Protein backbone atom coordinates (compact mmCIF):
# COMPACT_ATOMS: atom_id res chain seq x y z
CA MET A 1 65.46 -29.16 115.51
CA LYS A 2 64.08 -28.92 111.99
CA LYS A 3 63.15 -25.54 110.52
CA THR A 4 59.43 -26.45 110.22
CA GLN A 5 59.27 -27.60 113.86
CA MET A 6 60.99 -24.37 115.03
CA LYS A 7 58.36 -22.27 113.21
CA LYS A 8 55.55 -24.27 114.87
CA THR A 9 57.12 -23.80 118.31
CA LEU A 10 57.55 -20.04 117.78
CA PHE A 11 53.97 -19.73 116.52
CA LEU A 12 52.61 -21.56 119.61
CA ALA A 13 54.63 -19.28 121.91
CA LEU A 14 53.29 -16.17 120.22
CA MET A 15 49.72 -17.50 120.38
CA LEU A 16 50.08 -18.24 124.12
CA THR A 17 51.35 -14.70 124.72
CA PHE A 18 48.47 -13.24 122.66
CA LEU A 19 45.89 -15.32 124.55
CA SER A 20 47.40 -14.25 127.89
CA VAL A 21 47.17 -10.61 126.94
CA LEU A 22 43.64 -11.10 125.63
CA MET A 23 42.58 -12.87 128.85
CA PHE A 24 43.92 -10.03 131.05
CA ALA A 25 42.38 -7.42 128.75
CA GLN A 26 38.95 -9.09 128.94
CA GLN A 27 39.21 -8.98 132.74
CA GLY A 28 40.03 -5.27 132.57
CA VAL A 29 43.68 -5.86 133.58
CA LEU A 30 46.56 -4.95 131.30
CA TYR A 31 49.21 -7.65 131.14
CA ASP A 32 52.35 -6.05 132.60
CA PRO A 33 54.43 -8.70 134.38
CA GLU A 34 57.38 -6.35 135.08
CA GLY A 35 55.20 -3.46 136.27
CA VAL A 36 56.81 -1.20 133.66
CA LEU A 37 53.56 0.27 132.39
CA LYS A 38 52.22 0.67 135.91
CA LYS A 39 55.33 2.63 136.94
CA ALA A 40 55.16 4.76 133.81
CA GLN A 41 51.49 5.55 134.41
CA ALA A 42 52.20 6.47 138.04
CA LYS A 43 55.04 8.72 136.91
CA SER A 44 52.87 10.46 134.34
CA THR A 45 50.35 11.51 137.01
CA ILE A 46 52.93 13.72 138.75
CA ASP A 47 52.84 17.41 137.89
CA PRO A 48 56.20 18.10 136.19
CA GLN A 49 56.46 21.32 138.24
CA SER A 50 55.81 19.52 141.55
CA THR A 51 57.31 16.86 143.72
CA LYS A 52 55.18 14.21 145.41
CA ILE A 53 56.03 13.06 148.92
CA SER A 54 54.08 10.18 150.37
CA GLY A 55 54.49 7.38 152.83
CA LYS A 56 53.35 5.68 155.98
CA ILE A 57 54.01 6.66 159.60
CA SER A 58 51.86 4.37 161.73
CA ALA A 59 52.90 6.07 164.97
CA LEU A 60 51.38 9.36 163.74
CA ALA A 61 48.06 7.97 162.48
CA GLY A 62 45.39 10.68 162.64
CA LYS A 63 47.92 13.43 163.43
CA THR A 64 49.67 16.03 161.26
CA ILE A 65 53.19 16.60 159.95
CA MET A 66 54.70 19.62 158.20
CA THR A 67 56.76 19.84 155.02
CA VAL A 68 59.22 22.73 154.76
CA TYR A 69 60.46 23.92 151.36
CA GLY A 70 62.25 27.26 151.54
CA ARG A 71 59.67 29.63 153.02
CA THR A 72 56.76 27.34 152.18
CA ILE A 73 55.28 25.19 154.92
CA ASP A 74 52.44 22.74 154.29
CA THR A 75 50.54 21.03 157.08
CA VAL A 76 49.78 17.47 156.01
CA GLN A 77 47.11 15.27 157.56
CA VAL A 78 48.18 11.70 158.28
CA ALA A 79 45.28 9.28 157.68
CA ASN A 80 44.03 6.87 160.34
CA ASP A 81 45.97 4.06 158.67
CA GLY A 82 49.20 6.10 158.92
CA THR A 83 49.45 7.02 155.23
CA PHE A 84 49.90 10.53 153.84
CA SER A 85 50.55 12.24 150.51
CA VAL A 86 51.34 15.80 149.46
CA ASN A 87 52.28 17.53 146.20
CA ILE A 88 54.63 20.50 146.56
CA LYS A 89 55.30 23.05 143.83
CA VAL A 90 59.08 23.30 143.38
CA GLN A 91 61.38 25.18 141.02
CA GLU A 92 64.49 23.00 141.17
CA ASP A 93 65.39 19.63 139.67
CA GLU A 94 66.97 18.75 143.00
CA VAL A 95 65.86 20.33 146.28
CA LEU A 96 66.06 19.49 149.97
CA ILE A 97 62.70 19.31 151.74
CA ARG A 98 62.38 18.87 155.49
CA ILE A 99 59.53 16.95 157.03
CA MET A 100 58.85 17.93 160.62
CA GLY A 101 57.36 15.61 163.21
CA VAL A 102 58.61 12.29 161.81
CA PRO A 103 59.10 12.01 164.81
CA GLU A 104 61.59 14.89 164.73
CA VAL A 105 62.90 16.23 161.39
CA LEU A 106 63.51 14.12 158.28
CA ALA A 107 65.38 15.57 155.29
CA VAL A 108 64.64 14.21 151.80
CA MET A 109 65.99 15.06 148.34
CA ALA A 110 63.17 15.76 145.91
CA GLY A 111 62.71 17.79 142.72
CA LYS A 112 60.48 18.64 139.76
CA GLY A 113 58.54 15.59 138.57
CA LYS A 114 60.01 13.36 141.27
CA GLN A 115 58.25 11.32 143.91
CA VAL A 116 59.63 10.33 147.30
CA ASN A 117 57.99 7.57 149.31
CA PHE A 118 59.06 6.30 152.71
CA THR A 119 57.85 4.16 155.59
CA VAL A 120 58.81 4.87 159.19
CA ASN A 121 59.14 1.90 161.54
CA GLY A 122 60.37 3.10 164.92
CA ASN A 123 63.78 4.67 164.27
CA GLU A 124 64.09 3.02 160.84
CA VAL A 125 63.13 4.84 157.63
CA VAL A 126 62.76 2.80 154.42
CA PHE A 127 62.65 4.75 151.14
CA ASN A 128 60.96 3.92 147.84
CA GLY A 129 60.07 6.06 144.85
CA ASP A 130 62.77 8.03 143.01
CA ASN A 131 66.36 7.79 144.22
CA PRO A 132 65.74 5.68 147.35
CA ASN A 133 69.47 5.23 148.06
CA TYR A 134 70.09 8.96 147.70
CA ASN A 135 67.32 9.73 150.17
CA SER A 136 68.45 7.05 152.59
CA TYR A 137 71.88 8.72 152.66
CA ILE A 138 70.49 12.27 153.00
CA ALA A 139 68.26 11.20 155.88
CA SER A 140 71.17 9.49 157.64
CA PHE A 141 73.51 12.45 157.16
CA HIS A 142 71.00 14.91 158.59
CA SER A 143 70.45 12.62 161.58
CA ILE A 144 74.06 12.65 162.82
CA ASN A 145 73.42 14.92 165.80
CA ARG A 146 70.23 13.07 166.71
CA VAL A 147 72.13 9.78 166.73
CA TRP A 148 75.16 11.08 168.63
CA THR A 149 73.49 12.65 171.63
CA ASP A 150 75.38 13.82 174.72
CA LYS A 151 73.88 10.88 176.61
CA LYS A 152 75.26 8.39 174.10
CA ILE A 153 78.67 10.06 173.91
CA THR A 154 79.19 10.17 177.68
CA GLY A 155 78.65 6.43 177.74
CA TYR A 156 82.13 5.88 176.28
CA SER A 157 84.92 5.46 178.81
CA ASN A 158 87.55 7.33 176.79
CA PHE A 159 88.09 9.25 173.56
CA GLY A 160 89.88 6.37 171.82
CA THR A 161 86.90 4.04 172.20
CA PHE A 162 84.49 6.79 171.15
CA LYS A 163 86.55 7.61 168.04
CA VAL A 164 86.57 3.97 166.90
CA GLU A 165 82.77 3.86 166.99
CA VAL A 166 82.44 7.21 165.20
CA ASP A 167 84.80 5.99 162.48
CA LYS A 168 82.66 2.85 162.00
CA TYR A 169 79.56 5.03 161.76
CA PHE A 170 81.13 7.26 159.10
CA THR A 171 82.35 4.19 157.17
CA THR A 172 78.70 3.10 156.94
CA LEU A 173 77.69 6.61 155.81
CA ASN A 174 80.39 6.54 153.12
CA GLU A 175 79.08 3.18 151.90
CA LYS A 176 75.58 4.65 151.70
CA LEU A 177 76.93 7.67 149.85
CA ASN A 178 78.74 5.55 147.27
CA ALA A 179 75.49 3.67 146.57
CA ILE A 180 73.40 6.75 145.65
CA GLU A 181 71.87 6.96 142.20
CA ASN A 182 73.16 10.45 141.37
CA LYS A 183 76.86 9.69 140.94
CA SER A 184 77.69 13.26 139.90
CA ALA A 185 76.77 14.49 143.40
CA ILE A 186 79.11 12.13 145.26
CA ALA A 187 82.25 14.30 145.18
CA ASP A 188 80.56 17.36 146.74
CA LEU A 189 78.59 15.29 149.23
CA LYS A 190 81.84 13.57 150.25
CA LYS A 191 83.32 16.98 151.16
CA GLU A 192 80.26 17.73 153.25
CA LEU A 193 80.48 14.36 154.98
CA ASP A 194 84.19 14.67 155.69
CA SER A 195 83.66 18.14 157.14
CA ALA A 196 81.24 16.67 159.71
CA GLN A 197 83.45 13.93 161.14
CA LYS A 198 86.07 15.87 163.10
CA PRO A 199 83.53 18.28 164.63
CA LEU A 200 81.77 15.18 165.96
CA TYR A 201 85.05 14.13 167.62
CA PHE A 202 85.00 17.49 169.43
CA LYS A 203 81.53 16.71 170.71
CA TYR A 204 83.20 14.15 172.98
CA GLY A 205 84.91 17.02 174.76
CA SER A 206 81.84 19.26 175.04
CA ALA A 207 79.56 16.42 176.20
CA ASN A 208 81.93 15.06 178.81
CA SER A 209 83.11 18.44 180.08
CA LYS A 210 79.62 18.93 181.53
CA ILE A 211 80.29 15.92 183.75
CA ASN A 212 84.03 15.97 184.41
CA LYS A 213 85.96 18.74 182.69
CA VAL A 214 89.31 17.83 184.31
CA GLU A 215 89.13 14.21 183.15
CA VAL A 216 88.18 14.90 179.54
CA TYR A 217 90.81 17.60 179.08
CA ASN A 218 93.47 15.24 180.39
CA ASP A 219 92.51 12.46 177.99
CA LYS A 220 95.75 12.00 176.02
CA ASP A 221 94.04 10.81 172.85
CA PHE A 222 91.63 13.75 172.88
CA ILE A 223 94.46 16.24 173.49
CA LYS A 224 96.45 14.68 170.63
CA PHE A 225 93.47 15.00 168.27
CA ALA A 226 92.78 18.61 169.28
CA ASN A 227 96.42 19.67 168.95
CA GLU A 228 96.58 18.22 165.43
CA ILE A 229 93.96 20.73 164.24
CA ASP A 230 95.98 23.38 162.46
CA VAL A 231 94.17 26.68 163.01
CA ASN A 232 96.26 28.26 160.25
CA ASP A 233 95.41 25.64 157.61
CA ARG A 234 94.02 27.65 154.67
CA ARG A 235 92.13 24.60 153.42
CA MET A 236 89.71 25.33 156.24
CA LEU A 237 88.47 28.26 154.16
CA GLU A 238 87.26 25.95 151.40
CA GLU A 239 83.52 25.70 151.08
CA ALA A 240 81.91 22.33 151.62
CA TYR A 241 78.84 21.32 149.62
CA GLY A 242 75.88 23.40 150.70
CA VAL A 243 77.35 24.45 154.05
CA GLU A 244 79.43 27.21 155.61
CA PRO A 245 83.18 27.16 155.00
CA ILE A 246 84.56 24.60 157.43
CA THR A 247 86.15 27.18 159.70
CA TYR A 248 83.77 25.56 162.17
CA LEU A 249 86.49 23.07 163.03
CA ILE A 250 88.90 25.89 163.89
CA GLU A 251 86.18 27.52 165.99
CA LEU A 252 85.79 24.30 167.99
CA ARG A 253 89.57 24.09 168.44
CA LEU A 254 89.72 27.67 169.77
CA LYS A 255 86.80 27.11 172.14
CA TRP A 256 88.53 23.99 173.46
CA GLU A 257 91.66 26.07 174.10
CA ILE A 258 89.61 28.62 176.07
CA GLU A 259 87.96 25.93 178.20
CA LYS A 260 91.22 24.10 178.85
CA TYR A 261 93.09 27.21 180.00
CA PRO A 262 90.60 29.29 182.03
CA ASN A 263 93.40 31.18 183.77
CA THR A 264 94.58 32.53 180.40
CA TYR A 265 91.15 33.58 179.20
CA LYS A 266 89.50 35.81 181.79
CA GLY A 267 87.53 38.19 179.55
CA ALA A 268 84.21 39.69 180.57
CA ASN A 269 82.35 37.40 178.15
CA SER A 270 82.94 34.44 175.82
CA SER A 271 83.28 36.69 172.76
CA ILE A 272 86.21 38.61 174.24
CA ASN A 273 87.90 35.32 175.15
CA TYR A 274 87.34 34.08 171.60
CA TYR A 275 89.04 37.13 170.05
CA THR A 276 91.92 36.69 172.50
CA ALA A 277 92.31 33.06 171.39
CA ILE A 278 92.36 34.17 167.73
CA SER A 279 95.06 36.72 168.59
CA ASN A 280 97.13 34.10 170.46
CA LEU A 281 96.88 31.21 167.99
CA VAL A 282 95.86 32.37 164.50
CA THR A 283 98.65 33.97 162.49
CA ASP A 284 97.01 33.77 159.06
CA SER A 285 95.27 37.13 158.54
CA ASP A 286 92.63 35.77 156.15
CA ILE A 287 91.59 33.09 158.63
CA ALA A 288 91.68 35.58 161.53
CA ASN A 289 89.42 37.95 159.57
CA LYS A 290 87.04 35.17 158.58
CA LEU A 291 86.71 33.91 162.15
CA SER A 292 86.42 37.31 163.82
CA THR A 293 83.93 38.87 161.37
CA LYS A 294 81.75 35.75 161.38
CA HIS A 295 81.71 35.73 165.17
CA PHE A 296 81.03 39.46 165.52
CA ASN A 297 78.16 39.15 163.05
CA MET A 298 76.69 36.46 165.30
CA TYR A 299 77.35 38.60 168.38
CA LEU A 300 75.37 41.42 166.81
CA THR A 301 72.38 39.10 166.32
CA ILE A 302 72.44 38.57 170.08
CA LEU A 303 72.64 42.35 170.15
CA ILE A 304 74.11 44.88 172.51
CA ASP A 305 74.93 43.87 176.10
CA LYS A 306 76.70 45.58 178.98
CA ASN A 307 80.12 44.45 177.68
CA SER A 308 79.53 45.55 174.09
CA GLU A 309 82.16 48.33 174.03
CA GLU A 310 84.84 45.99 175.37
CA THR A 311 83.73 43.27 172.95
CA PHE A 312 83.84 45.67 170.00
CA SER A 313 87.34 46.80 171.00
CA ALA A 314 88.55 43.17 171.20
CA PHE A 315 87.06 42.49 167.76
CA ARG A 316 88.83 45.47 166.19
CA LYS A 317 92.20 44.22 167.44
CA VAL A 318 92.00 41.00 165.40
CA ALA A 319 89.90 42.05 162.39
CA THR A 320 91.97 43.89 159.79
CA ASP A 321 89.80 43.75 156.66
CA PRO A 322 88.76 47.40 156.07
CA ASN A 323 85.50 46.57 154.24
CA SER A 324 84.27 44.23 156.96
CA LEU A 325 85.31 46.67 159.66
CA GLU A 326 83.43 49.53 158.02
CA LYS A 327 80.20 47.52 157.60
CA LEU A 328 80.25 45.99 161.08
CA THR A 329 81.17 49.28 162.74
CA LYS A 330 78.15 50.95 161.13
CA ARG A 331 75.89 48.08 162.13
CA TYR A 332 77.24 48.15 165.68
CA ASN A 333 76.59 51.89 165.99
CA ASP A 334 73.08 51.48 164.56
CA LEU A 335 72.32 48.67 167.02
CA LYS A 336 73.36 50.83 169.95
CA GLU A 337 70.26 52.86 169.18
CA LEU A 338 68.25 49.74 170.04
CA SER A 339 69.78 49.37 173.50
CA PRO A 340 67.53 48.94 176.57
CA GLY A 341 65.93 52.23 177.53
CA LYS A 342 65.91 53.66 173.98
CA MET A 343 62.58 54.43 172.32
CA ALA A 344 61.38 51.52 170.18
CA PRO A 345 61.31 52.53 166.48
CA ASP A 346 57.74 52.68 165.21
CA PHE A 347 56.39 50.57 162.32
CA GLY A 348 53.09 49.75 160.65
CA LEU A 349 50.90 46.70 161.26
CA LEU A 350 47.76 45.32 159.62
CA ASP A 351 45.10 43.31 161.41
CA VAL A 352 43.21 40.43 159.81
CA ASN A 353 40.68 42.89 158.34
CA GLY A 354 43.37 45.08 156.79
CA LYS A 355 43.05 47.88 159.35
CA LYS A 356 46.39 49.63 159.95
CA ILE A 357 47.81 50.45 163.36
CA MET A 358 51.29 51.43 164.58
CA LEU A 359 53.44 49.78 167.24
CA SER A 360 53.07 52.99 169.25
CA ASP A 361 49.30 52.36 169.44
CA LEU A 362 50.02 49.43 171.77
CA ARG A 363 51.49 51.63 174.50
CA GLY A 364 50.00 51.43 177.97
CA LYS A 365 51.15 47.89 178.70
CA ASN A 366 54.44 46.03 178.50
CA VAL A 367 54.32 44.10 175.20
CA TYR A 368 55.93 40.73 174.53
CA ILE A 369 56.14 40.44 170.73
CA ASP A 370 56.54 37.22 168.74
CA ILE A 371 57.88 37.84 165.21
CA TRP A 372 57.17 34.82 163.03
CA SER A 373 56.02 33.53 159.62
CA THR A 374 53.99 30.62 158.31
CA TRP A 375 57.01 29.34 156.34
CA CYS A 376 59.29 29.27 159.41
CA GLY A 377 59.35 25.85 161.08
CA PRO A 378 60.96 26.98 164.37
CA CYS A 379 58.41 29.82 164.54
CA ILE A 380 55.52 27.36 164.27
CA GLN A 381 57.04 25.27 167.05
CA GLU A 382 56.99 28.28 169.40
CA ILE A 383 53.28 29.06 168.90
CA PRO A 384 51.96 26.55 171.50
CA PHE A 385 54.33 28.09 174.06
CA VAL A 386 53.04 31.60 173.27
CA GLU A 387 49.52 30.25 173.73
CA LYS A 388 50.45 28.74 177.10
CA LEU A 389 51.96 32.03 178.31
CA HIS A 390 48.96 34.04 177.14
CA GLU A 391 46.60 31.68 178.94
CA LYS A 392 48.62 31.99 182.14
CA TYR A 393 48.86 35.80 182.06
CA LYS A 394 45.72 36.80 180.15
CA ASN A 395 44.39 38.70 183.18
CA SER A 396 47.61 40.64 183.72
CA LYS A 397 47.06 44.40 183.88
CA ASN A 398 50.59 45.19 182.73
CA LEU A 399 51.62 42.57 180.13
CA GLU A 400 50.20 41.89 176.69
CA PHE A 401 51.13 39.28 174.09
CA VAL A 402 51.25 40.18 170.40
CA SER A 403 52.25 38.05 167.42
CA ILE A 404 53.47 39.78 164.25
CA SER A 405 53.86 37.80 161.04
CA VAL A 406 56.35 38.88 158.38
CA ASP A 407 54.58 36.83 155.69
CA ASP A 408 54.43 38.18 152.16
CA ASP A 409 51.57 35.76 151.51
CA ILE A 410 48.68 37.34 153.44
CA LYS A 411 46.36 34.48 152.50
CA ALA A 412 48.70 31.90 154.08
CA TRP A 413 48.81 34.03 157.25
CA LYS A 414 45.02 34.32 157.42
CA ASN A 415 44.63 30.57 156.81
CA LYS A 416 47.01 29.83 159.68
CA LEU A 417 45.04 32.12 162.00
CA ALA A 418 41.78 30.47 160.93
CA GLU A 419 43.32 27.08 161.71
CA ASP A 420 44.89 28.00 165.09
CA LYS A 421 42.27 30.51 166.31
CA PRO A 422 44.70 32.38 168.62
CA SER A 423 43.11 34.34 171.47
CA TRP A 424 45.81 37.03 171.62
CA LYS A 425 46.42 39.92 169.22
CA ASN A 426 47.81 39.00 165.80
CA PHE A 427 49.04 41.32 163.05
CA VAL A 428 51.04 41.12 159.85
CA ALA A 429 53.91 43.57 159.33
CA GLU A 430 53.19 46.10 156.60
CA GLY A 431 55.59 45.15 153.80
CA GLY A 432 56.02 41.51 154.86
CA TYR A 433 59.56 40.25 155.04
CA ASN A 434 60.88 43.55 153.64
CA SER A 435 58.93 45.52 156.24
CA SER A 436 60.28 48.47 158.19
CA LEU A 437 60.02 46.19 161.25
CA ASN A 438 62.73 43.89 159.89
CA LYS A 439 64.84 46.79 158.66
CA LYS A 440 64.63 48.97 161.78
CA TYR A 441 65.27 46.06 164.15
CA PHE A 442 67.90 44.34 161.97
CA ILE A 443 65.93 41.12 161.90
CA THR A 444 67.68 38.65 159.61
CA ALA A 445 66.41 35.44 161.22
CA ILE A 446 63.17 34.42 162.89
CA PRO A 447 61.61 33.68 165.27
CA ARG A 448 62.60 36.81 167.17
CA PHE A 449 61.02 38.06 170.37
CA LEU A 450 60.88 41.68 171.53
CA LEU A 451 59.93 43.12 174.89
CA ILE A 452 58.77 46.76 174.90
CA ASP A 453 57.72 48.63 178.05
CA LYS A 454 54.42 50.46 178.57
CA ASP A 455 56.01 53.79 177.55
CA GLY A 456 57.30 52.42 174.25
CA LYS A 457 60.90 52.00 175.42
CA ILE A 458 63.00 48.94 174.61
CA ILE A 459 63.49 46.33 177.33
CA SER A 460 65.02 43.82 174.93
CA ILE A 461 65.02 43.26 171.18
CA ASN A 462 66.24 39.71 171.73
CA ALA A 463 63.94 38.52 174.53
CA LEU A 464 63.82 34.93 175.75
CA ARG A 465 61.80 32.50 173.64
CA PRO A 466 58.48 31.36 175.08
CA SER A 467 59.82 27.78 175.06
CA SER A 468 62.69 28.75 177.38
CA PRO A 469 62.46 27.06 180.80
CA ASP A 470 63.21 30.46 182.38
CA ILE A 471 60.56 32.46 180.51
CA GLU A 472 58.10 32.84 183.42
CA LYS A 473 60.81 34.13 185.74
CA TYR A 474 62.00 36.43 182.94
CA LEU A 475 58.53 37.98 182.52
CA GLU A 476 57.74 38.34 186.24
CA PRO A 477 58.97 41.95 186.62
CA TYR A 478 56.64 43.08 183.81
CA LEU A 479 53.36 41.49 184.95
């Protein structure tokens, strides 16, 4: 092609491009065939200190879902066409946010200036927005236990067949992980994923033992797998990404040992048997201390029972770390002061108008107390059950229901009350999460339920949840 002809061709091409742009501009549409400008404009509308979560859940049209970020819970209205959108103030570049009611719980990775978009079709979740592959993996990882239910697991005829299917499932998860956009996160996420696979193998034993304990504990492949778990492997103390040290696998191995040999483990409760198993099988003192102190900490959240002295003695035989022993001994002795029959420690409460009362002002009736917060997802889930109980027993002469929030954000608490309009007494603890209520009753996790008698004495500081199937029978003596 001659030089003059090339110039003419180039000029015509440029003119056509200019006319195309002009035509779109005259129609009020900016020519953007790749959608680059559109994406950039959409991105620029996001508050750099917020994350935007949006999507479509047709099955929940007209209903609400909740987003949970740390202690912040937002109730989000789903439109009649199934769409929703919410902006959440966040502090991190990368943060896990849970979305409740989709239809159960969906975990997504968001962050400052990022937007997450997804569509739910039945059991399938399709992600768009920022890092769709990353979010697809995160959602799948956090769904492991929902996928591998006891019902599904007991459908396998033997451990070998079950293990093959689990391995295929984790191969797919690894493929998803390797496809995420944030390559720097892969190594840590791989540790987390690997730490979840063998505990799932153990779920075969726990699920099937409910049906036929003898058969599952005689499954040669399952026994071989369990026996290969080295309870003295110090690598088990390594911390996986974002989770507890994976001593969990050793815990499962010890619990399997206890179930398999019931004639060896005849303690008064499961905790005593657990410490006996540690003594019998764990020779590494660091691992023994880690396991025993972790378990006794959990035991103390369940609080004192009739076998507490024997349990404490069994714990002291296997725990040798002096610092842990000193702290847990003090906590144990303090908790004994909260045993049934002891006077309930008093603390201050504020009603919705700011008027102060004390717990002791509620004497005269047995009091079932719900300790909760607006930022606590499990607490919110219990509220309808409290409402149901109150409705059933509202005419009781001897039992009263009281909800106590430990919110620091009084406005959020008042907004929640305005939304729910509860018909039973509601207060906020004076001091919020750092209140004397939490300190005096050693409350480190909520929801927590207390039962105090009409004279102000403790019946239980770890009462059954209102959602428990046995709650009505539990409350009968106090009506």
